[in-house]
């Protein structure tokens, strides 16, 4: 996917937030630590540093939502060689929060008022993480990643 295509999907998926520009995606993708995992209608942008993986953003075009794309992208990401994965999600994004917690992510911190909303109050960012052993959930946090 081109940076322009990533920006289009991101803008469609995050209409209440400031979406990321094609230039921002281009700059992120210039790093050897950043990877894009994609399929028709959606993508996950990730970064891996010393066994610690971060989900920078996951976006699915609303026309393609509720088809399991987000879960498949997450499963592909988590199948990598990492010891811990983390992400942040807006506290008001119930669908994403449900998906992440069904997979086994747990809240580890909160950033108060992190997401600025257009014509609305700021929303907290929830920091979620999961311990893994080279792409497999650690025994203490193991859940059925396929079915959630």
N, C-alpha and C. Protein backbone atom coordinates (compact mmCIF):
# COMPACT_ATOMS: atom_id res chain seq x y z
N UNK A 1 0.84 -1.19 0.00
CA UNK A 1 0.00 0.00 0.00
C UNK A 1 0.88 1.25 0.00
N UNK A 2 0.50 2.20 -0.76
CA UNK A 2 1.24 3.45 -0.82
C UNK A 2 0.88 4.33 0.39
N UNK A 3 1.73 5.27 0.74
CA UNK A 3 1.40 6.21 1.81
C UNK A 3 0.07 6.93 1.55
N UNK A 4 -0.23 7.24 0.30
CA UNK A 4 -1.48 7.91 -0.05
C UNK A 4 -2.68 7.01 0.25
N UNK A 5 -2.56 5.72 -0.08
CA UNK A 5 -3.64 4.78 0.19
C UNK A 5 -3.83 4.59 1.69
N UNK A 6 -2.74 4.50 2.44
CA UNK A 6 -2.82 4.39 3.90
C UNK A 6 -3.53 5.60 4.48
N UNK A 7 -3.19 6.79 3.99
CA UNK A 7 -3.81 8.02 4.48
C UNK A 7 -5.31 8.05 4.17
N UNK A 8 -5.71 7.56 3.01
CA UNK A 8 -7.13 7.52 2.65
C UNK A 8 -7.92 6.60 3.59
N UNK A 9 -7.38 5.41 3.84
CA UNK A 9 -8.06 4.47 4.75
C UNK A 9 -8.10 5.05 6.15
N UNK A 10 -7.00 5.63 6.61
CA UNK A 10 -6.93 6.21 7.95
C UNK A 10 -7.97 7.32 8.11
N UNK A 11 -8.08 8.19 7.11
CA UNK A 11 -9.05 9.30 7.16
C UNK A 11 -10.48 8.77 7.22
N UNK A 12 -10.77 7.72 6.48
CA UNK A 12 -12.12 7.14 6.49
C UNK A 12 -12.43 6.49 7.84
N UNK A 13 -11.42 5.84 8.42
CA UNK A 13 -11.63 5.11 9.67
C UNK A 13 -11.67 6.02 10.90
N UNK A 14 -10.98 7.16 10.85
CA UNK A 14 -10.87 8.03 12.01
C UNK A 14 -11.43 9.42 11.70
N UNK A 15 -12.69 9.48 11.41
CA UNK A 15 -13.31 10.74 11.02
C UNK A 15 -13.42 11.74 12.16
N UNK A 16 -13.49 11.29 13.41
CA UNK A 16 -13.61 12.21 14.53
C UNK A 16 -12.25 12.71 15.02
N UNK A 17 -11.17 12.10 14.54
CA UNK A 17 -9.82 12.48 14.93
C UNK A 17 -9.10 13.13 13.76
N UNK A 18 -7.96 13.74 14.06
CA UNK A 18 -7.09 14.21 12.99
C UNK A 18 -6.43 12.98 12.38
N UNK A 19 -6.70 12.73 11.13
CA UNK A 19 -6.10 11.57 10.49
C UNK A 19 -4.66 11.88 10.09
N UNK A 20 -3.90 10.84 9.83
CA UNK A 20 -2.51 10.99 9.47
C UNK A 20 -2.38 11.26 7.98
N UNK A 21 -1.43 12.08 7.61
CA UNK A 21 -1.24 12.44 6.20
C UNK A 21 -0.36 11.41 5.49
N UNK A 22 -0.39 11.45 4.17
CA UNK A 22 0.47 10.58 3.38
C UNK A 22 1.94 10.85 3.72
N UNK A 23 2.28 12.09 3.96
CA UNK A 23 3.67 12.43 4.31
C UNK A 23 4.06 11.79 5.65
N UNK A 24 3.17 11.81 6.60
CA UNK A 24 3.46 11.18 7.89
C UNK A 24 3.67 9.68 7.72
N UNK A 25 2.83 9.03 6.92
CA UNK A 25 3.02 7.60 6.66
C UNK A 25 4.35 7.35 5.95
N UNK A 26 4.68 8.18 4.98
CA UNK A 26 5.93 8.04 4.25
C UNK A 26 7.12 8.12 5.20
N UNK A 27 7.10 9.07 6.11
CA UNK A 27 8.19 9.24 7.08
C UNK A 27 8.28 8.03 8.01
N UNK A 28 7.15 7.55 8.50
CA UNK A 28 7.16 6.37 9.37
C UNK A 28 7.71 5.15 8.64
N UNK A 29 7.25 4.95 7.41
CA UNK A 29 7.67 3.79 6.64
C UNK A 29 9.13 3.84 6.22
N UNK A 30 9.77 4.98 6.33
CA UNK A 30 11.19 5.09 5.99
C UNK A 30 12.06 4.44 7.07
N UNK A 31 11.50 4.16 8.23
CA UNK A 31 12.25 3.52 9.31
C UNK A 31 12.27 2.01 9.10
N UNK A 32 13.44 1.39 9.25
CA UNK A 32 13.51 -0.08 9.12
C UNK A 32 12.81 -0.80 10.27
N UNK A 33 12.43 -0.08 11.31
CA UNK A 33 11.75 -0.68 12.46
C UNK A 33 10.24 -0.73 12.28
N UNK A 34 9.72 -0.03 11.28
CA UNK A 34 8.28 0.09 11.07
C UNK A 34 7.85 -0.84 9.93
N UNK A 35 6.73 -1.51 10.16
CA UNK A 35 6.19 -2.45 9.18
C UNK A 35 4.71 -2.16 8.98
N UNK A 36 4.25 -2.33 7.76
CA UNK A 36 2.82 -2.25 7.48
C UNK A 36 2.33 -3.65 7.13
N UNK A 37 1.24 -4.03 7.76
CA UNK A 37 0.57 -5.29 7.49
C UNK A 37 -0.77 -4.89 6.88
N UNK A 38 -1.07 -5.39 5.70
CA UNK A 38 -2.27 -4.90 5.05
C UNK A 38 -3.06 -6.01 4.37
N UNK A 39 -4.29 -5.70 4.16
CA UNK A 39 -5.16 -6.49 3.29
C UNK A 39 -6.22 -5.53 2.76
N UNK A 40 -6.95 -5.95 1.79
CA UNK A 40 -7.93 -5.07 1.16
C UNK A 40 -8.82 -4.42 2.22
N UNK A 41 -8.81 -3.10 2.25
CA UNK A 41 -9.69 -2.36 3.14
C UNK A 41 -9.11 -2.02 4.50
N UNK A 42 -7.91 -2.48 4.81
CA UNK A 42 -7.37 -2.18 6.13
C UNK A 42 -5.88 -2.42 6.24
N UNK A 43 -5.31 -1.91 7.32
CA UNK A 43 -3.88 -2.08 7.56
C UNK A 43 -3.57 -1.88 9.03
N UNK A 44 -2.43 -2.43 9.42
CA UNK A 44 -1.85 -2.19 10.75
C UNK A 44 -0.43 -1.68 10.52
N UNK A 45 -0.08 -0.62 11.21
CA UNK A 45 1.26 -0.07 11.15
C UNK A 45 1.91 -0.36 12.50
N UNK A 46 3.05 -1.04 12.47
CA UNK A 46 3.69 -1.50 13.71
C UNK A 46 5.15 -1.10 13.76
N UNK A 47 5.70 -1.14 14.97
CA UNK A 47 7.12 -0.87 15.16
C UNK A 47 7.65 -1.91 16.14
N UNK A 48 8.82 -2.47 15.84
CA UNK A 48 9.44 -3.48 16.70
C UNK A 48 10.84 -3.02 17.08
N UNK A 49 11.06 -2.93 18.39
CA UNK A 49 12.37 -2.54 18.93
C UNK A 49 12.72 -3.50 20.06
N UNK A 50 13.78 -4.25 19.89
CA UNK A 50 14.32 -5.13 20.94
C UNK A 50 13.25 -6.02 21.57
N UNK A 51 12.45 -6.68 20.75
CA UNK A 51 11.45 -7.62 21.25
C UNK A 51 10.16 -6.99 21.74
N UNK A 52 10.08 -5.66 21.70
CA UNK A 52 8.89 -4.95 22.15
C UNK A 52 8.20 -4.35 20.92
N UNK A 53 6.96 -4.76 20.68
CA UNK A 53 6.23 -4.34 19.49
C UNK A 53 5.13 -3.36 19.86
N UNK A 54 5.01 -2.33 19.04
CA UNK A 54 3.97 -1.32 19.26
C UNK A 54 3.07 -1.27 18.03
N UNK A 55 1.79 -1.26 18.28
CA UNK A 55 0.82 -1.03 17.22
C UNK A 55 0.65 0.48 17.12
N UNK A 56 1.19 1.07 16.06
CA UNK A 56 1.11 2.51 15.90
C UNK A 56 -0.30 2.93 15.51
N UNK A 57 -0.90 2.20 14.61
CA UNK A 57 -2.29 2.44 14.24
C UNK A 57 -2.83 1.22 13.51
N UNK A 58 -4.11 1.01 13.65
CA UNK A 58 -4.84 -0.03 12.93
C UNK A 58 -6.06 0.67 12.35
N UNK A 59 -6.26 0.55 11.06
CA UNK A 59 -7.38 1.23 10.43
C UNK A 59 -8.06 0.30 9.44
N UNK A 60 -9.38 0.26 9.52
CA UNK A 60 -10.18 -0.48 8.56
C UNK A 60 -11.23 0.48 8.01
N UNK A 61 -11.27 0.59 6.70
CA UNK A 61 -12.25 1.46 6.04
C UNK A 61 -13.64 1.04 6.48
N UNK A 62 -14.50 1.98 6.85
CA UNK A 62 -15.86 1.62 7.30
C UNK A 62 -16.63 0.73 6.32
N UNK A 63 -16.33 0.82 5.04
CA UNK A 63 -17.00 -0.04 4.04
C UNK A 63 -16.59 -1.50 4.20
N UNK A 64 -15.49 -1.76 4.90
CA UNK A 64 -14.97 -3.12 5.06
C UNK A 64 -15.00 -3.60 6.51
N UNK A 65 -15.60 -2.83 7.39
CA UNK A 65 -15.63 -3.23 8.80
C UNK A 65 -16.60 -4.38 9.02
N UNK A 66 -16.43 -5.05 10.16
CA UNK A 66 -17.25 -6.19 10.57
C UNK A 66 -17.09 -7.39 9.64
N UNK A 67 -15.89 -7.52 9.07
CA UNK A 67 -15.55 -8.67 8.22
C UNK A 67 -14.35 -9.43 8.77
N UNK A 68 -13.90 -9.10 9.97
CA UNK A 68 -12.77 -9.79 10.59
C UNK A 68 -11.41 -9.28 10.17
N UNK A 69 -11.37 -8.18 9.42
CA UNK A 69 -10.09 -7.66 8.94
C UNK A 69 -9.20 -7.24 10.10
N UNK A 70 -9.74 -6.50 11.04
CA UNK A 70 -8.95 -6.04 12.18
C UNK A 70 -8.36 -7.19 12.96
N UNK A 71 -9.14 -8.22 13.22
CA UNK A 71 -8.66 -9.40 13.96
C UNK A 71 -7.55 -10.10 13.17
N UNK A 72 -7.73 -10.25 11.87
CA UNK A 72 -6.70 -10.92 11.06
C UNK A 72 -5.40 -10.11 11.06
N UNK A 73 -5.52 -8.80 10.93
CA UNK A 73 -4.32 -7.96 10.97
C UNK A 73 -3.60 -8.08 12.31
N UNK A 74 -4.36 -8.07 13.40
CA UNK A 74 -3.76 -8.22 14.73
C UNK A 74 -3.10 -9.58 14.88
N UNK A 75 -3.76 -10.63 14.44
CA UNK A 75 -3.18 -11.97 14.54
C UNK A 75 -1.88 -12.07 13.75
N UNK A 76 -1.84 -11.48 12.57
CA UNK A 76 -0.61 -11.50 11.78
C UNK A 76 0.50 -10.74 12.50
N UNK A 77 0.15 -9.59 13.10
CA UNK A 77 1.13 -8.82 13.86
C UNK A 77 1.66 -9.61 15.05
N UNK A 78 0.77 -10.19 15.83
CA UNK A 78 1.15 -10.88 17.05
C UNK A 78 1.86 -12.20 16.78
N UNK A 79 1.82 -12.69 15.57
CA UNK A 79 2.53 -13.93 15.22
C UNK A 79 4.03 -13.69 15.03
N UNK A 80 4.45 -12.44 15.09
CA UNK A 80 5.86 -12.10 14.92
C UNK A 80 6.70 -12.48 16.12
N UNK A 81 7.99 -12.29 15.98
CA UNK A 81 8.96 -12.64 17.02
C UNK A 81 9.11 -11.47 17.99
N UNK A 82 8.29 -11.48 19.04
CA UNK A 82 8.30 -10.40 20.03
C UNK A 82 8.00 -10.96 21.41
N UNK A 83 8.40 -10.22 22.42
CA UNK A 83 8.17 -10.64 23.80
C UNK A 83 7.01 -9.89 24.45
N UNK A 84 6.75 -8.69 23.98
CA UNK A 84 5.65 -7.90 24.51
C UNK A 84 5.10 -7.02 23.39
N UNK A 85 3.80 -6.83 23.41
CA UNK A 85 3.16 -5.94 22.44
C UNK A 85 2.33 -4.94 23.22
N UNK A 86 2.28 -3.72 22.71
CA UNK A 86 1.45 -2.71 23.36
C UNK A 86 0.84 -1.80 22.32
N UNK A 87 -0.20 -1.09 22.76
CA UNK A 87 -0.94 -0.18 21.89
C UNK A 87 -1.68 0.80 22.76
N UNK A 88 -2.25 1.81 22.12
CA UNK A 88 -3.15 2.71 22.84
C UNK A 88 -4.44 2.78 22.05
N UNK A 89 -5.52 2.98 22.77
CA UNK A 89 -6.84 3.05 22.15
C UNK A 89 -7.65 4.12 22.87
N UNK A 90 -8.45 4.84 22.11
CA UNK A 90 -9.32 5.84 22.72
C UNK A 90 -10.33 5.14 23.62
N UNK A 91 -10.54 5.70 24.79
CA UNK A 91 -11.46 5.09 25.76
C UNK A 91 -12.88 4.97 25.22
N UNK A 92 -13.24 5.80 24.25
CA UNK A 92 -14.59 5.73 23.69
C UNK A 92 -14.69 4.84 22.45
N UNK A 93 -13.62 4.16 22.09
CA UNK A 93 -13.63 3.26 20.94
C UNK A 93 -13.94 1.84 21.42
N UNK A 94 -15.21 1.61 21.71
CA UNK A 94 -15.64 0.35 22.32
C UNK A 94 -15.34 -0.87 21.45
N UNK A 95 -15.53 -0.76 20.15
CA UNK A 95 -15.30 -1.91 19.27
C UNK A 95 -13.83 -2.32 19.29
N UNK A 96 -12.92 -1.35 19.18
CA UNK A 96 -11.50 -1.66 19.20
C UNK A 96 -11.08 -2.20 20.57
N UNK A 97 -11.56 -1.56 21.64
CA UNK A 97 -11.23 -2.02 22.99
C UNK A 97 -11.68 -3.46 23.18
N UNK A 98 -12.87 -3.79 22.73
CA UNK A 98 -13.38 -5.16 22.84
C UNK A 98 -12.48 -6.14 22.09
N UNK A 99 -12.11 -5.79 20.86
CA UNK A 99 -11.24 -6.66 20.07
C UNK A 99 -9.92 -6.90 20.79
N UNK A 100 -9.29 -5.84 21.26
CA UNK A 100 -7.99 -5.97 21.91
C UNK A 100 -8.07 -6.80 23.19
N UNK A 101 -9.08 -6.57 24.01
CA UNK A 101 -9.17 -7.31 25.27
C UNK A 101 -9.57 -8.76 25.04
N UNK A 102 -10.35 -9.04 24.00
CA UNK A 102 -10.68 -10.43 23.67
C UNK A 102 -9.43 -11.22 23.29
N UNK A 103 -8.49 -10.55 22.67
CA UNK A 103 -7.25 -11.20 22.27
C UNK A 103 -6.33 -11.41 23.47
N UNK A 104 -6.51 -10.63 24.52
CA UNK A 104 -5.71 -10.82 25.73
C UNK A 104 -4.98 -9.59 26.21
N UNK A 105 -5.13 -8.47 25.53
CA UNK A 105 -4.51 -7.23 25.99
C UNK A 105 -5.17 -6.78 27.29
N UNK A 106 -4.36 -6.18 28.15
CA UNK A 106 -4.86 -5.66 29.42
C UNK A 106 -4.44 -4.20 29.58
N UNK A 107 -5.28 -3.42 30.25
CA UNK A 107 -4.97 -2.02 30.49
C UNK A 107 -3.79 -1.92 31.45
N UNK A 108 -2.79 -1.13 31.06
CA UNK A 108 -1.63 -0.93 31.93
C UNK A 108 -1.46 0.53 32.35
N UNK A 109 -2.10 1.46 31.64
CA UNK A 109 -1.99 2.88 31.99
C UNK A 109 -3.07 3.66 31.26
N UNK A 110 -3.24 4.91 31.67
CA UNK A 110 -4.20 5.83 31.03
C UNK A 110 -3.53 7.17 30.82
N UNK A 111 -3.73 7.72 29.64
CA UNK A 111 -3.29 9.09 29.35
C UNK A 111 -4.53 9.96 29.32
N UNK A 112 -4.72 10.76 30.33
CA UNK A 112 -5.91 11.59 30.48
C UNK A 112 -6.00 12.64 29.38
N UNK A 113 -7.17 12.75 28.75
CA UNK A 113 -7.44 13.78 27.77
C UNK A 113 -6.52 13.76 26.56
N UNK A 114 -6.03 12.60 26.18
CA UNK A 114 -5.02 12.48 25.13
C UNK A 114 -5.57 12.77 23.73
N UNK A 115 -6.74 12.24 23.42
CA UNK A 115 -7.31 12.42 22.09
C UNK A 115 -8.19 13.66 22.06
N UNK A 116 -7.82 14.61 21.24
CA UNK A 116 -8.62 15.83 21.06
C UNK A 116 -9.69 15.53 20.03
N UNK A 117 -10.91 15.86 20.35
CA UNK A 117 -12.04 15.61 19.45
C UNK A 117 -12.52 16.92 18.86
N UNK A 118 -13.01 16.84 17.63
CA UNK A 118 -13.61 18.01 16.99
C UNK A 118 -14.96 18.26 17.65
N UNK A 119 -15.15 19.46 18.18
CA UNK A 119 -16.43 19.86 18.79
C UNK A 119 -16.88 18.95 19.93
N UNK A 120 -15.92 18.36 20.65
CA UNK A 120 -16.27 17.50 21.79
C UNK A 120 -15.11 17.50 22.78
N UNK A 121 -15.39 17.00 23.97
CA UNK A 121 -14.37 16.93 25.01
C UNK A 121 -13.28 15.93 24.62
N UNK A 122 -12.07 16.16 25.11
CA UNK A 122 -10.96 15.24 24.88
C UNK A 122 -11.27 13.89 25.53
N UNK A 123 -10.68 12.85 24.97
CA UNK A 123 -10.94 11.48 25.42
C UNK A 123 -9.63 10.87 25.90
N UNK A 124 -9.70 10.07 26.96
CA UNK A 124 -8.52 9.38 27.48
C UNK A 124 -8.01 8.34 26.49
N UNK A 125 -6.70 8.11 26.52
CA UNK A 125 -6.08 7.00 25.80
C UNK A 125 -5.79 5.91 26.82
N UNK A 126 -6.21 4.71 26.51
CA UNK A 126 -5.91 3.55 27.35
C UNK A 126 -4.71 2.85 26.75
N UNK A 127 -3.70 2.59 27.56
CA UNK A 127 -2.51 1.87 27.12
C UNK A 127 -2.74 0.41 27.48
N UNK A 128 -2.68 -0.45 26.49
CA UNK A 128 -2.90 -1.88 26.68
C UNK A 128 -1.64 -2.64 26.29
N UNK A 129 -1.40 -3.76 26.95
CA UNK A 129 -0.24 -4.58 26.59
C UNK A 129 -0.56 -6.05 26.79
N UNK A 130 0.27 -6.87 26.17
CA UNK A 130 0.17 -8.32 26.32
C UNK A 130 1.59 -8.87 26.31
N UNK A 131 1.86 -9.80 27.23
CA UNK A 131 3.16 -10.46 27.26
C UNK A 131 3.10 -11.65 26.32
N UNK A 132 4.15 -11.81 25.54
CA UNK A 132 4.23 -12.88 24.56
C UNK A 132 5.57 -13.59 24.70
N UNK A 133 5.65 -14.77 24.17
CA UNK A 133 6.92 -15.48 24.07
C UNK A 133 7.12 -15.80 22.59
N UNK A 134 7.86 -14.95 21.93
CA UNK A 134 8.12 -15.09 20.49
C UNK A 134 6.83 -15.30 19.71
N UNK A 135 5.90 -14.38 19.90
CA UNK A 135 4.66 -14.40 19.13
C UNK A 135 3.56 -15.24 19.72
N UNK A 136 3.79 -15.89 20.85
CA UNK A 136 2.76 -16.70 21.49
C UNK A 136 2.41 -16.08 22.84
N UNK A 137 1.12 -16.03 23.18
CA UNK A 137 0.76 -15.46 24.49
C UNK A 137 1.46 -16.21 25.61
N UNK A 138 1.99 -15.46 26.56
CA UNK A 138 2.59 -16.07 27.74
C UNK A 138 1.51 -16.81 28.50
N UNK A 139 1.88 -17.83 29.23
CA UNK A 139 0.88 -18.64 29.94
C UNK A 139 -0.01 -17.81 30.84
N UNK A 140 0.53 -16.76 31.45
CA UNK A 140 -0.26 -15.97 32.39
C UNK A 140 -1.32 -15.13 31.70
N UNK A 141 -1.17 -14.84 30.41
CA UNK A 141 -2.14 -14.01 29.71
C UNK A 141 -2.76 -14.73 28.52
N UNK A 142 -2.53 -16.05 28.41
CA UNK A 142 -2.99 -16.78 27.24
C UNK A 142 -4.50 -16.76 27.11
N UNK A 143 -4.94 -16.43 25.92
CA UNK A 143 -6.35 -16.49 25.55
C UNK A 143 -6.39 -17.04 24.14
N UNK A 144 -7.55 -17.44 23.73
CA UNK A 144 -7.70 -17.95 22.38
C UNK A 144 -7.70 -16.77 21.41
N UNK A 145 -6.57 -16.52 20.80
CA UNK A 145 -6.43 -15.37 19.91
C UNK A 145 -7.32 -15.52 18.69
N UNK A 146 -7.54 -16.70 18.21
CA UNK A 146 -8.34 -16.88 17.01
C UNK A 146 -9.81 -16.56 17.24
N UNK A 147 -10.37 -16.99 18.35
CA UNK A 147 -11.82 -16.78 18.53
C UNK A 147 -12.15 -15.62 19.44
N UNK A 148 -11.21 -15.22 20.30
CA UNK A 148 -11.47 -14.07 21.18
C UNK A 148 -12.50 -14.41 22.17
